[in-house]
Amino acid sequence: MVEIFITETNNNSLQKSQITKGVWIDVTAPEPHETDLLVEHTGVKREFLFHPLDLDEQARIDQEGDQILIIVDIPYSESDQDFYTVPLGIIIVRDEFIITVCSVQSPVIEDFKREKVKGFFTYKKTRFVFQLFQQISSYYLKYLRMINRKREQIESILHQSMKNEEIFNLLDLEKSLVYFTTSLKANELLMEKMLRLKILNMYEEDKDVLEDAIIENKQAIEMAHIYSNILSGMMDAFASIISNNLNIVMKFLTSVTLVLSIPTMVASFFGMNVSIPMQNYPHAFLMTIILSLLLSVLLAIYFRKKDLF
């Protein structure tokens, strides 16, 4: 899917447009014919359009002639359980067009389309790139808070759980944190390189936006490290708790089995086909039942005092 936007100079509103100077072209999982049209009408290098669609592509910056390709990792989530990262390509062509390429429809890009980002203009390409960085860092922080809330929910369940399902859910969250940490570090190196080498022409305001994005990215890295350490400790602790809960249940079942074995044992003695006490006593059955119950109650009281119940 290809969408083209331009900021109207008279009211600074974002409008859909045709390909012309100063437009922003958003490309999401493009079809081959869409790629061909983009190459024909913008002159963008075909490989620049393909690189961001590779999910294994690393954050980097590449320049060939008058075209610049910036690949940055963005957070993505399809549910409140699965979090991962995908590459986002930002292409500047001859200082005329800016193209964003991604394999998924990202909420980061959607915020720009809905004009939720203040001070966004399609013709201010350097500012747009740095605003994208800042928005990406904000979403990392948002998703990290969601991961932490999910962890707290699982923690409350694990206090009483004896299943492995919650441990597997924690493993999924820990895997997501590994993805986030790796991508955040790569993004940090990319942004610091752009700030140091000044690959894009920037004004002082643009530099401030980039520095803010770097700060938020560092906060996200620290947060990811903290949550990862908490998760690692939780998994070790709750693995022991689940094992302990199982031991408690086994202890309880063993105690119940012993208590219930008393009536069985008494009935076995009095059911022998030999001479037994009270065999001619008219209330012998009732006495046997009372004896069984009494012994069971005494054993239960003993187990209770020993905290075996």
C-alpha atoms as a PDB file:
ATOM      1  CA  MET A   1       0.000   0.000   0.000  1.00  0.00           C
ATOM      2  CA  VAL A   2       1.291   3.439  -0.958  1.00  0.00           C
ATOM      3  CA  GLU A   3      -0.054   6.702   0.439  1.00  0.00           C
ATOM      4  CA  ILE A   4       1.187  10.186  -0.434  1.00  0.00           C
ATOM      5  CA  PHE A   5       0.829  13.193   1.871  1.00  0.00           C
ATOM      6  CA  ILE A   6       1.805  16.843   1.784  1.00  0.00           C
ATOM      7  CA  THR A   7       1.509  19.663   4.283  1.00  0.00           C
ATOM      8  CA  GLU A   8      -0.624  22.471   2.885  1.00  0.00           C
ATOM      9  CA  THR A   9       1.270  25.734   3.360  1.00  0.00           C
ATOM     10  CA  ASN A  10      -1.867  27.838   3.788  1.00  0.00           C
ATOM     11  CA  ASN A  11      -3.250  25.992   6.838  1.00  0.00           C
ATOM     12  CA  ASN A  12      -0.425  23.536   7.721  1.00  0.00           C
ATOM     13  CA  SER A  13      -2.841  20.610   7.491  1.00  0.00           C
ATOM     14  CA  LEU A  14      -1.869  17.193   6.145  1.00  0.00           C
ATOM     15  CA  GLN A  15      -3.536  16.316   2.849  1.00  0.00           C
ATOM     16  CA  LYS A  16      -3.292  13.433   0.422  1.00  0.00           C
ATOM     17  CA  SER A  17      -1.444  14.337  -2.731  1.00  0.00           C
ATOM     18  CA  GLN A  18       0.188  13.191  -5.942  1.00  0.00           C
ATOM     19  CA  ILE A  19       3.938  12.745  -6.239  1.00  0.00           C
ATOM     20  CA  THR A  20       5.472  16.202  -6.191  1.00  0.00           C
ATOM     21  CA  LYS A  21       8.306  17.984  -4.444  1.00  0.00           C
ATOM     22  CA  GLY A  22       7.940  18.118  -0.676  1.00  0.00           C
ATOM     23  CA  VAL A  23       5.633  15.098  -0.284  1.00  0.00           C
ATOM     24  CA  TRP A  24       5.864  12.253   2.200  1.00  0.00           C
ATOM     25  CA  ILE A  25       5.322   8.822   0.650  1.00  0.00           C
ATOM     26  CA  ASP A  26       4.342   6.095   3.097  1.00  0.00           C
ATOM     27  CA  VAL A  27       4.881   2.553   1.814  1.00  0.00           C
ATOM     28  CA  THR A  28       3.520  -0.474   3.698  1.00  0.00           C
ATOM     29  CA  ALA A  29       4.231  -4.012   2.450  1.00  0.00           C
ATOM     30  CA  PRO A  30       4.314  -2.839  -1.204  1.00  0.00           C
ATOM     31  CA  GLU A  31       3.259  -4.980  -4.144  1.00  0.00           C
ATOM     32  CA  PRO A  32       5.766  -5.401  -7.025  1.00  0.00           C
ATOM     33  CA  HIS A  33       3.840  -3.028  -9.311  1.00  0.00           C
ATOM     34  CA  GLU A  34       3.783  -0.364  -6.567  1.00  0.00           C
ATOM     35  CA  THR A  35       7.545  -0.656  -6.208  1.00  0.00           C
ATOM     36  CA  ASP A  36       7.963  -0.274  -9.955  1.00  0.00           C
ATOM     37  CA  LEU A  37       5.850   2.908  -9.979  1.00  0.00           C
ATOM     38  CA  LEU A  38       7.829   4.424  -7.099  1.00  0.00           C
ATOM     39  CA  VAL A  39      11.132   3.724  -8.803  1.00  0.00           C
ATOM     40  CA  GLU A  40       9.821   5.237 -12.040  1.00  0.00           C
ATOM     41  CA  HIS A  41       8.284   8.418 -10.565  1.00  0.00           C
ATOM     42  CA  THR A  42      10.740   9.224  -7.751  1.00  0.00           C
ATOM     43  CA  GLY A  43      13.987   7.702  -8.962  1.00  0.00           C
ATOM     44  CA  VAL A  44      14.503   5.906  -5.630  1.00  0.00           C
ATOM     45  CA  LYS A  45      16.898   2.996  -5.754  1.00  0.00           C
ATOM     46  CA  ARG A  46      14.988  -0.289  -5.828  1.00  0.00           C
ATOM     47  CA  GLU A  47      17.214  -1.927  -3.225  1.00  0.00           C
ATOM     48  CA  PHE A  48      16.491   0.949  -0.823  1.00  0.00           C
ATOM     49  CA  LEU A  49      12.825  -0.063  -0.951  1.00  0.00           C
ATOM     50  CA  PHE A  50      13.589  -3.742  -0.379  1.00  0.00           C
ATOM     51  CA  HIS A  51      16.061  -3.517   2.513  1.00  0.00           C
ATOM     52  CA  PRO A  52      13.536  -2.311   5.177  1.00  0.00           C
ATOM     53  CA  LEU A  53      11.183  -5.178   4.291  1.00  0.00           C
ATOM     54  CA  ASP A  54      13.767  -7.696   5.517  1.00  0.00           C
ATOM     55  CA  LEU A  55      12.896  -8.412   9.160  1.00  0.00           C
ATOM     56  CA  ASP A  56      16.543  -9.246   9.929  1.00  0.00           C
ATOM     57  CA  GLU A  57      17.839  -5.875   8.702  1.00  0.00           C
ATOM     58  CA  GLN A  58      19.877  -3.988  11.303  1.00  0.00           C
ATOM     59  CA  ALA A  59      19.617  -0.284  12.168  1.00  0.00           C
ATOM     60  CA  ARG A  60      22.030   1.608   9.938  1.00  0.00           C
ATOM     61  CA  ILE A  61      22.440   4.523   7.554  1.00  0.00           C
ATOM     62  CA  ASP A  62      23.478   4.227   3.922  1.00  0.00           C
ATOM     63  CA  GLN A  63      24.097   6.927   1.343  1.00  0.00           C
ATOM     64  CA  GLU A  64      24.423   6.561  -2.414  1.00  0.00           C
ATOM     65  CA  GLY A  65      24.689   9.747  -4.438  1.00  0.00           C
ATOM     66  CA  ASP A  66      21.811  12.060  -3.588  1.00  0.00           C
ATOM     67  CA  GLN A  67      19.819   9.382  -1.768  1.00  0.00           C
ATOM     68  CA  ILE A  68      20.005   8.512   1.922  1.00  0.00           C
ATOM     69  CA  LEU A  69      18.580   5.344   3.495  1.00  0.00           C
ATOM     70  CA  ILE A  70      18.066   5.216   7.262  1.00  0.00           C
ATOM     71  CA  ILE A  71      16.892   1.952   8.821  1.00  0.00           C
ATOM     72  CA  VAL A  72      15.681   2.055  12.413  1.00  0.00           C
ATOM     73  CA  ASP A  73      14.014  -0.644  14.530  1.00  0.00           C
ATOM     74  CA  ILE A  74      10.511   0.159  15.743  1.00  0.00           C
ATOM     75  CA  PRO A  75       8.435  -1.655  18.393  1.00  0.00           C
ATOM     76  CA  TYR A  76       5.385  -3.565  17.274  1.00  0.00           C
ATOM     77  CA  SER A  77       2.674  -5.565  18.998  1.00  0.00           C
ATOM     78  CA  GLU A  78      -0.219  -7.607  17.656  1.00  0.00           C
ATOM     79  CA  SER A  79      -1.571  -8.411  21.139  1.00  0.00           C
ATOM     80  CA  ASP A  80      -0.874  -7.628  24.788  1.00  0.00           C
ATOM     81  CA  GLN A  81       1.360 -10.707  24.958  1.00  0.00           C
ATOM     82  CA  ASP A  82       3.511 -10.565  21.809  1.00  0.00           C
ATOM     83  CA  PHE A  83       5.984  -7.725  21.465  1.00  0.00           C
ATOM     84  CA  TYR A  84       8.771  -7.562  18.915  1.00  0.00           C
ATOM     85  CA  THR A  85      10.571  -5.138  16.596  1.00  0.00           C
ATOM     86  CA  VAL A  86      10.510  -4.576  12.840  1.00  0.00           C
ATOM     87  CA  PRO A  87      12.711  -2.393  10.598  1.00  0.00           C
ATOM     88  CA  LEU A  88      11.447   0.955   9.360  1.00  0.00           C
ATOM     89  CA  GLY A  89      13.168   2.484   6.350  1.00  0.00           C
ATOM     90  CA  ILE A  90      13.389   6.260   5.895  1.00  0.00           C
ATOM     91  CA  ILE A  91      14.551   7.315   2.441  1.00  0.00           C
ATOM     92  CA  ILE A  92      15.387  10.878   1.396  1.00  0.00           C
ATOM     93  CA  VAL A  93      15.541  11.246  -2.390  1.00  0.00           C
ATOM     94  CA  ARG A  94      17.354  14.293  -3.840  1.00  0.00           C
ATOM     95  CA  ASP A  95      16.044  16.415  -0.969  1.00  0.00           C
ATOM     96  CA  GLU A  96      12.670  16.327  -2.762  1.00  0.00           C
ATOM     97  CA  PHE A  97      10.848  13.295  -1.383  1.00  0.00           C
ATOM     98  CA  ILE A  98      10.875  11.480   1.918  1.00  0.00           C
ATOM     99  CA  ILE A  99       9.719   7.867   1.833  1.00  0.00           C
ATOM    100  CA  THR A 100       8.952   5.608   4.786  1.00  0.00           C
ATOM    101  CA  VAL A 101       8.935   1.851   4.153  1.00  0.00           C
ATOM    102  CA  CYS A 102       7.746  -0.816   6.588  1.00  0.00           C
ATOM    103  CA  SER A 103       6.454  -4.377   6.342  1.00  0.00           C
ATOM    104  CA  VAL A 104       3.636  -3.699   8.840  1.00  0.00           C
ATOM    105  CA  GLN A 105       1.205  -0.901   9.551  1.00  0.00           C
ATOM    106  CA  SER A 106       2.862   0.774  12.492  1.00  0.00           C
ATOM    107  CA  PRO A 107       1.134   3.028  15.051  1.00  0.00           C
ATOM    108  CA  VAL A 108       4.252   5.210  14.935  1.00  0.00           C
ATOM    109  CA  ILE A 109       3.463   6.148  11.336  1.00  0.00           C
ATOM    110  CA  GLU A 110      -0.272   6.326  11.993  1.00  0.00           C
ATOM    111  CA  ASP A 111       0.291   9.088  14.568  1.00  0.00           C
ATOM    112  CA  PHE A 112       1.823  11.274  11.856  1.00  0.00           C
ATOM    113  CA  LYS A 113      -1.028  10.538   9.468  1.00  0.00           C
ATOM    114  CA  ARG A 114      -3.546  11.551  12.125  1.00  0.00           C
ATOM    115  CA  GLU A 115      -1.555  14.731  12.853  1.00  0.00           C
ATOM    116  CA  LYS A 116      -0.933  13.754  16.482  1.00  0.00           C
ATOM    117  CA  VAL A 117       2.679  14.948  16.311  1.00  0.00           C
ATOM    118  CA  LYS A 118       3.105  18.670  16.888  1.00  0.00           C
ATOM    119  CA  GLY A 119       5.269  20.668  14.506  1.00  0.00           C
ATOM    120  CA  PHE A 120       5.221  18.016  11.771  1.00  0.00           C
ATOM    121  CA  PHE A 121       5.625  19.228   8.187  1.00  0.00           C
ATOM    122  CA  THR A 122       6.345  16.973   5.237  1.00  0.00           C
ATOM    123  CA  TYR A 123       8.717  19.501   3.661  1.00  0.00           C
ATOM    124  CA  LYS A 124      10.914  19.692   6.798  1.00  0.00           C
ATOM    125  CA  LYS A 125      12.623  16.385   6.098  1.00  0.00           C
ATOM    126  CA  THR A 126      15.361  16.489   8.725  1.00  0.00           C
ATOM    127  CA  ARG A 127      12.869  17.502  11.410  1.00  0.00           C
ATOM    128  CA  PHE A 128      10.537  14.707  10.238  1.00  0.00           C
ATOM    129  CA  VAL A 129      13.290  12.093  10.573  1.00  0.00           C
ATOM    130  CA  PHE A 130      14.155  13.210  14.102  1.00  0.00           C
ATOM    131  CA  GLN A 131      10.471  13.385  15.073  1.00  0.00           C
ATOM    132  CA  LEU A 132      10.162   9.796  13.891  1.00  0.00           C
ATOM    133  CA  PHE A 133      13.070   8.856  16.158  1.00  0.00           C
ATOM    134  CA  GLN A 134      11.403  10.602  19.093  1.00  0.00           C
ATOM    135  CA  GLN A 135       8.050   8.956  18.406  1.00  0.00           C
ATOM    136  CA  ILE A 136       9.703   5.534  18.140  1.00  0.00           C
ATOM    137  CA  SER A 137      11.412   6.034  21.511  1.00  0.00           C
ATOM    138  CA  SER A 138       8.072   7.045  23.039  1.00  0.00           C
ATOM    139  CA  TYR A 139       6.444   3.860  21.777  1.00  0.00           C
ATOM    140  CA  TYR A 140       9.261   1.765  23.201  1.00  0.00           C
ATOM    141  CA  LEU A 141       8.539   3.324  26.602  1.00  0.00           C
ATOM    142  CA  LYS A 142       4.807   2.728  26.142  1.00  0.00           C
ATOM    143  CA  TYR A 143       5.236  -0.938  25.247  1.00  0.00           C
ATOM    144  CA  LEU A 144       7.716  -1.473  28.077  1.00  0.00           C
ATOM    145  CA  ARG A 145       5.085  -0.216  30.534  1.00  0.00           C
ATOM    146  CA  MET A 146       2.592  -2.633  28.968  1.00  0.00           C
ATOM    147  CA  ILE A 147       5.077  -5.480  29.420  1.00  0.00           C
ATOM    148  CA  ASN A 148       5.524  -4.527  33.063  1.00  0.00           C
ATOM    149  CA  ARG A 149       1.749  -4.467  33.657  1.00  0.00           C
ATOM    150  CA  LYS A 150       1.462  -7.883  32.021  1.00  0.00           C
ATOM    151  CA  ARG A 151       4.248  -9.136  34.277  1.00  0.00           C
ATOM    152  CA  GLU A 152       2.384  -7.906  37.356  1.00  0.00           C
ATOM    153  CA  GLN A 153      -0.779  -9.714  36.224  1.00  0.00           C
ATOM    154  CA  ILE A 154       1.126 -12.964  35.747  1.00  0.00           C
ATOM    155  CA  GLU A 155       2.821 -12.474  39.117  1.00  0.00           C
ATOM    156  CA  SER A 156      -0.524 -12.285  40.916  1.00  0.00           C
ATOM    157  CA  ILE A 157      -1.613 -15.537  39.236  1.00  0.00           C
ATOM    158  CA  LEU A 158       1.651 -17.306  40.010  1.00  0.00           C
ATOM    159  CA  HIS A 159       1.194 -16.868  43.767  1.00  0.00           C
ATOM    160  CA  GLN A 160      -1.439 -19.613  43.697  1.00  0.00           C
ATOM    161  CA  SER A 161      -0.529 -21.408  40.483  1.00  0.00           C
ATOM    162  CA  MET A 162       0.916 -24.878  40.006  1.00  0.00           C
ATOM    163  CA  LYS A 163       0.956 -24.756  36.208  1.00  0.00           C
ATOM    164  CA  ASN A 164       3.727 -24.030  33.736  1.00  0.00           C
ATOM    165  CA  GLU A 165       1.591 -21.783  31.521  1.00  0.00           C
ATOM    166  CA  GLU A 166       2.419 -18.623  33.447  1.00  0.00           C
ATOM    167  CA  ILE A 167       6.132 -19.447  33.327  1.00  0.00           C
ATOM    168  CA  PHE A 168       5.868 -19.756  29.549  1.00  0.00           C
ATOM    169  CA  ASN A 169       4.126 -16.351  29.437  1.00  0.00           C
ATOM    170  CA  LEU A 170       7.006 -14.873  31.406  1.00  0.00           C
ATOM    171  CA  LEU A 171       9.426 -16.443  28.937  1.00  0.00           C
ATOM    172  CA  ASP A 172       7.584 -14.696  26.093  1.00  0.00           C
ATOM    173  CA  LEU A 173       7.877 -11.357  27.889  1.00  0.00           C
ATOM    174  CA  GLU A 174      11.566 -11.930  28.570  1.00  0.00           C
ATOM    175  CA  LYS A 175      12.104 -12.713  24.881  1.00  0.00           C
ATOM    176  CA  SER A 176      10.340  -9.458  23.969  1.00  0.00           C
ATOM    177  CA  LEU A 177      12.626  -7.537  26.322  1.00  0.00           C
ATOM    178  CA  VAL A 178      15.666  -9.083  24.634  1.00  0.00           C
ATOM    179  CA  TYR A 179      14.367  -7.899  21.242  1.00  0.00           C
ATOM    180  CA  PHE A 180      13.693  -4.430  22.633  1.00  0.00           C
ATOM    181  CA  THR A 181      17.077  -4.100  24.331  1.00  0.00           C
ATOM    182  CA  THR A 182      18.978  -5.174  21.215  1.00  0.00           C
ATOM    183  CA  SER A 183      17.011  -2.818  18.952  1.00  0.00           C
ATOM    184  CA  LEU A 184      17.226   0.113  21.368  1.00  0.00           C
ATOM    185  CA  LYS A 185      21.018  -0.179  21.553  1.00  0.00           C
ATOM    186  CA  ALA A 186      21.254  -0.284  17.750  1.00  0.00           C
ATOM    187  CA  ASN A 187      18.988   2.768  17.490  1.00  0.00           C
ATOM    188  CA  GLU A 188      21.103   4.587  20.048  1.00  0.00           C
ATOM    189  CA  LEU A 189      24.268   4.041  18.013  1.00  0.00           C
ATOM    190  CA  LEU A 190      22.485   5.213  14.866  1.00  0.00           C
ATOM    191  CA  MET A 191      21.151   8.431  16.429  1.00  0.00           C
ATOM    192  CA  GLU A 192      24.443   9.304  18.100  1.00  0.00           C
ATOM    193  CA  LYS A 193      26.229   8.753  14.790  1.00  0.00           C
ATOM    194  CA  MET A 194      23.805  11.103  13.042  1.00  0.00           C
ATOM    195  CA  LEU A 195      24.264  13.706  15.771  1.00  0.00           C
ATOM    196  CA  ARG A 196      28.057  13.426  15.665  1.00  0.00           C
ATOM    197  CA  LEU A 197      28.583  13.315  11.897  1.00  0.00           C
ATOM    198  CA  LYS A 198      25.675  15.623  10.986  1.00  0.00           C
ATOM    199  CA  ILE A 199      24.748  13.485   7.987  1.00  0.00           C
ATOM    200  CA  LEU A 200      21.568  15.523   7.520  1.00  0.00           C
ATOM    201  CA  ASN A 201      21.491  19.306   7.406  1.00  0.00           C
ATOM    202  CA  MET A 202      19.969  20.419  10.684  1.00  0.00           C
ATOM    203  CA  TYR A 203      18.999  23.610  12.425  1.00  0.00           C
ATOM    204  CA  GLU A 204      19.373  24.101  16.154  1.00  0.00           C
ATOM    205  CA  GLU A 205      15.715  23.125  16.684  1.00  0.00           C
ATOM    206  CA  ASP A 206      16.305  19.898  14.739  1.00  0.00           C
ATOM    207  CA  LYS A 207      19.308  19.116  16.920  1.00  0.00           C
ATOM    208  CA  ASP A 208      17.185  19.602  20.045  1.00  0.00           C
ATOM    209  CA  VAL A 209      14.594  17.121  18.756  1.00  0.00           C
ATOM    210  CA  LEU A 210      17.312  14.539  18.029  1.00  0.00           C
ATOM    211  CA  GLU A 211      18.870  15.008  21.476  1.00  0.00           C
ATOM    212  CA  ASP A 212      15.451  14.534  23.095  1.00  0.00           C
ATOM    213  CA  ALA A 213      14.992  11.340  21.093  1.00  0.00           C
ATOM    214  CA  ILE A 214      18.391  10.065  22.269  1.00  0.00           C
ATOM    215  CA  ILE A 215      17.487  10.808  25.898  1.00  0.00           C
ATOM    216  CA  GLU A 216      14.167   8.957  25.624  1.00  0.00           C
ATOM    217  CA  ASN A 217      15.931   6.054  23.919  1.00  0.00           C
ATOM    218  CA  LYS A 218      18.412   5.834  26.815  1.00  0.00           C
ATOM    219  CA  GLN A 219      15.510   5.841  29.285  1.00  0.00           C
ATOM    220  CA  ALA A 220      13.930   2.973  27.367  1.00  0.00           C
ATOM    221  CA  ILE A 221      17.210   1.026  27.482  1.00  0.00           C
ATOM    222  CA  GLU A 222      17.454   1.461  31.269  1.00  0.00           C
ATOM    223  CA  MET A 223      13.815   0.499  31.705  1.00  0.00           C
ATOM    224  CA  ALA A 224      14.270  -2.615  29.560  1.00  0.00           C
ATOM    225  CA  HIS A 225      17.303  -3.638  31.646  1.00  0.00           C
ATOM    226  CA  ILE A 226      15.379  -3.186  34.903  1.00  0.00           C
ATOM    227  CA  TYR A 227      12.350  -5.156  33.713  1.00  0.00           C
ATOM    228  CA  SER A 228      14.585  -7.889  32.307  1.00  0.00           C
ATOM    229  CA  ASN A 229      16.371  -8.303  35.651  1.00  0.00           C
ATOM    230  CA  ILE A 230      13.047  -8.387  37.493  1.00  0.00           C
ATOM    231  CA  LEU A 231      11.719 -11.037  35.110  1.00  0.00           C
ATOM    232  CA  SER A 232      14.811 -13.208  35.472  1.00  0.00           C
ATOM    233  CA  GLY A 233      14.543 -13.099  39.259  1.00  0.00           C
ATOM    234  CA  MET A 234      10.799 -13.760  39.132  1.00  0.00           C
ATOM    235  CA  MET A 235      11.173 -16.815  36.935  1.00  0.00           C
ATOM    236  CA  ASP A 236      13.728 -18.377  39.276  1.00  0.00           C
ATOM    237  CA  ALA A 237      11.638 -17.568  42.338  1.00  0.00           C
ATOM    238  CA  PHE A 238       8.322 -18.720  40.938  1.00  0.00           C
ATOM    239  CA  ALA A 239       9.769 -21.937  39.565  1.00  0.00           C
ATOM    240  CA  SER A 240      10.631 -22.731  43.194  1.00  0.00           C
ATOM    241  CA  ILE A 241       7.199 -21.542  44.354  1.00  0.00           C
ATOM    242  CA  ILE A 242       5.406 -23.818  41.887  1.00  0.00           C
ATOM    243  CA  SER A 243       7.514 -26.746  43.063  1.00  0.00           C
ATOM    244  CA  ASN A 244       6.779 -25.828  46.693  1.00  0.00           C
ATOM    245  CA  ASN A 245       3.035 -25.539  46.010  1.00  0.00           C
ATOM    246  CA  LEU A 246       3.103 -28.996  44.495  1.00  0.00           C
ATOM    247  CA  ASN A 247       4.908 -30.350  47.543  1.00  0.00           C
ATOM    248  CA  ILE A 248       2.254 -28.815  49.808  1.00  0.00           C
ATOM    249  CA  VAL A 249      -0.508 -30.515  47.840  1.00  0.00           C
ATOM    250  CA  MET A 250       1.307 -33.838  47.931  1.00  0.00           C
ATOM    251  CA  LYS A 251       1.786 -33.463  51.696  1.00  0.00           C
ATOM    252  CA  PHE A 252      -1.917 -32.746  52.143  1.00  0.00           C
ATOM    253  CA  LEU A 253      -2.961 -35.705  49.992  1.00  0.00           C
ATOM    254  CA  THR A 254      -0.602 -38.015  51.884  1.00  0.00           C
ATOM    255  CA  SER A 255      -2.077 -36.891  55.211  1.00  0.00           C
ATOM    256  CA  VAL A 256      -5.623 -37.442  53.950  1.00  0.00           C
ATOM    257  CA  THR A 257      -4.653 -40.891  52.684  1.00  0.00           C
ATOM    258  CA  LEU A 258      -3.266 -41.850  56.107  1.00  0.00           C
ATOM    259  CA  VAL A 259      -6.367 -40.561  57.923  1.00  0.00           C
ATOM    260  CA  LEU A 260      -8.663 -42.500  55.588  1.00  0.00           C
ATOM    261  CA  SER A 261      -6.576 -45.634  55.955  1.00  0.00           C
ATOM    262  CA  ILE A 262      -7.570 -45.973  59.647  1.00  0.00           C
ATOM    263  CA  PRO A 263     -11.211 -47.010  58.982  1.00  0.00           C
ATOM    264  CA  THR A 264      -9.975 -49.373  56.291  1.00  0.00           C
ATOM    265  CA  MET A 265      -7.516 -50.973  58.675  1.00  0.00           C
ATOM    266  CA  VAL A 266     -10.080 -51.337  61.470  1.00  0.00           C
ATOM    267  CA  ALA A 267     -12.662 -52.793  59.073  1.00  0.00           C
ATOM    268  CA  SER A 268     -10.042 -55.241  57.817  1.00  0.00           C
ATOM    269  CA  PHE A 269      -9.294 -56.489  61.334  1.00  0.00           C
ATOM    270  CA  PHE A 270     -12.922 -56.964  62.253  1.00  0.00           C
ATOM    271  CA  GLY A 271     -13.725 -58.501  58.881  1.00  0.00           C
ATOM    272  CA  MET A 272     -11.349 -61.453  59.338  1.00  0.00           C
ATOM    273  CA  ASN A 273     -12.906 -64.880  59.197  1.00  0.00           C
ATOM    274  CA  VAL A 274     -11.648 -65.840  62.683  1.00  0.00           C
ATOM    275  CA  SER A 275     -12.769 -65.300  66.247  1.00  0.00           C
ATOM    276  CA  ILE A 276     -12.606 -61.613  67.115  1.00  0.00           C
ATOM    277  CA  PRO A 277     -13.562 -59.534  70.165  1.00  0.00           C
ATOM    278  CA  MET A 278     -17.216 -58.482  70.460  1.00  0.00           C
ATOM    279  CA  GLN A 279     -18.274 -60.805  67.659  1.00  0.00           C
ATOM    280  CA  ASN A 280     -21.396 -61.738  69.630  1.00  0.00           C
ATOM    281  CA  TYR A 281     -21.995 -58.214  70.948  1.00  0.00           C
ATOM    282  CA  PRO A 282     -25.196 -56.731  69.414  1.00  0.00           C
ATOM    283  CA  HIS A 283     -23.657 -53.249  68.998  1.00  0.00           C
ATOM    284  CA  ALA A 284     -20.304 -54.455  67.674  1.00  0.00           C
ATOM    285  CA  PHE A 285     -20.739 -52.747  64.247  1.00  0.00           C
ATOM    286  CA  LEU A 286     -21.531 -49.401  65.854  1.00  0.00           C
ATOM    287  CA  MET A 287     -18.562 -49.724  68.197  1.00  0.00           C
ATOM    288  CA  THR A 288     -16.319 -50.517  65.217  1.00  0.00           C
ATOM    289  CA  ILE A 289     -17.501 -47.403  63.369  1.00  0.00           C
ATOM    290  CA  ILE A 290     -16.996 -45.218  66.459  1.00  0.00           C
ATOM    291  CA  LEU A 291     -13.501 -46.658  66.986  1.00  0.00           C
ATOM    292  CA  SER A 292     -12.563 -45.974  63.361  1.00  0.00           C
ATOM    293  CA  LEU A 293     -13.831 -42.403  63.472  1.00  0.00           C
ATOM    294  CA  LEU A 294     -12.152 -41.725  66.818  1.00  0.00           C
ATOM    295  CA  LEU A 295      -8.761 -42.950  65.598  1.00  0.00           C
ATOM    296  CA  SER A 296      -9.139 -40.955  62.357  1.00  0.00           C
ATOM    297  CA  VAL A 297     -10.013 -37.771  64.254  1.00  0.00           C
ATOM    298  CA  LEU A 298      -7.075 -38.217  66.650  1.00  0.00           C
ATOM    299  CA  LEU A 299      -4.699 -38.743  63.730  1.00  0.00           C
ATOM    300  CA  ALA A 300      -6.125 -35.691  61.943  1.00  0.00           C
ATOM    301  CA  ILE A 301      -5.631 -33.555  65.075  1.00  0.00           C
ATOM    302  CA  TYR A 302      -2.050 -34.786  65.337  1.00  0.00           C
ATOM    303  CA  PHE A 303      -1.343 -33.925  61.671  1.00  0.00           C
ATOM    304  CA  ARG A 304      -2.931 -30.533  62.165  1.00  0.00           C
ATOM    305  CA  LYS A 305      -0.630 -29.754  65.072  1.00  0.00           C
ATOM    306  CA  LYS A 306       2.328 -30.814  62.953  1.00  0.00           C
ATOM    307  CA  ASP A 307       1.082 -28.485  60.170  1.00  0.00           C
ATOM    308  CA  LEU A 308       0.614 -31.390  57.804  1.00  0.00           C
ATOM    309  CA  PHE A 309      -2.904 -30.272  56.915  1.00  0.00           C
END
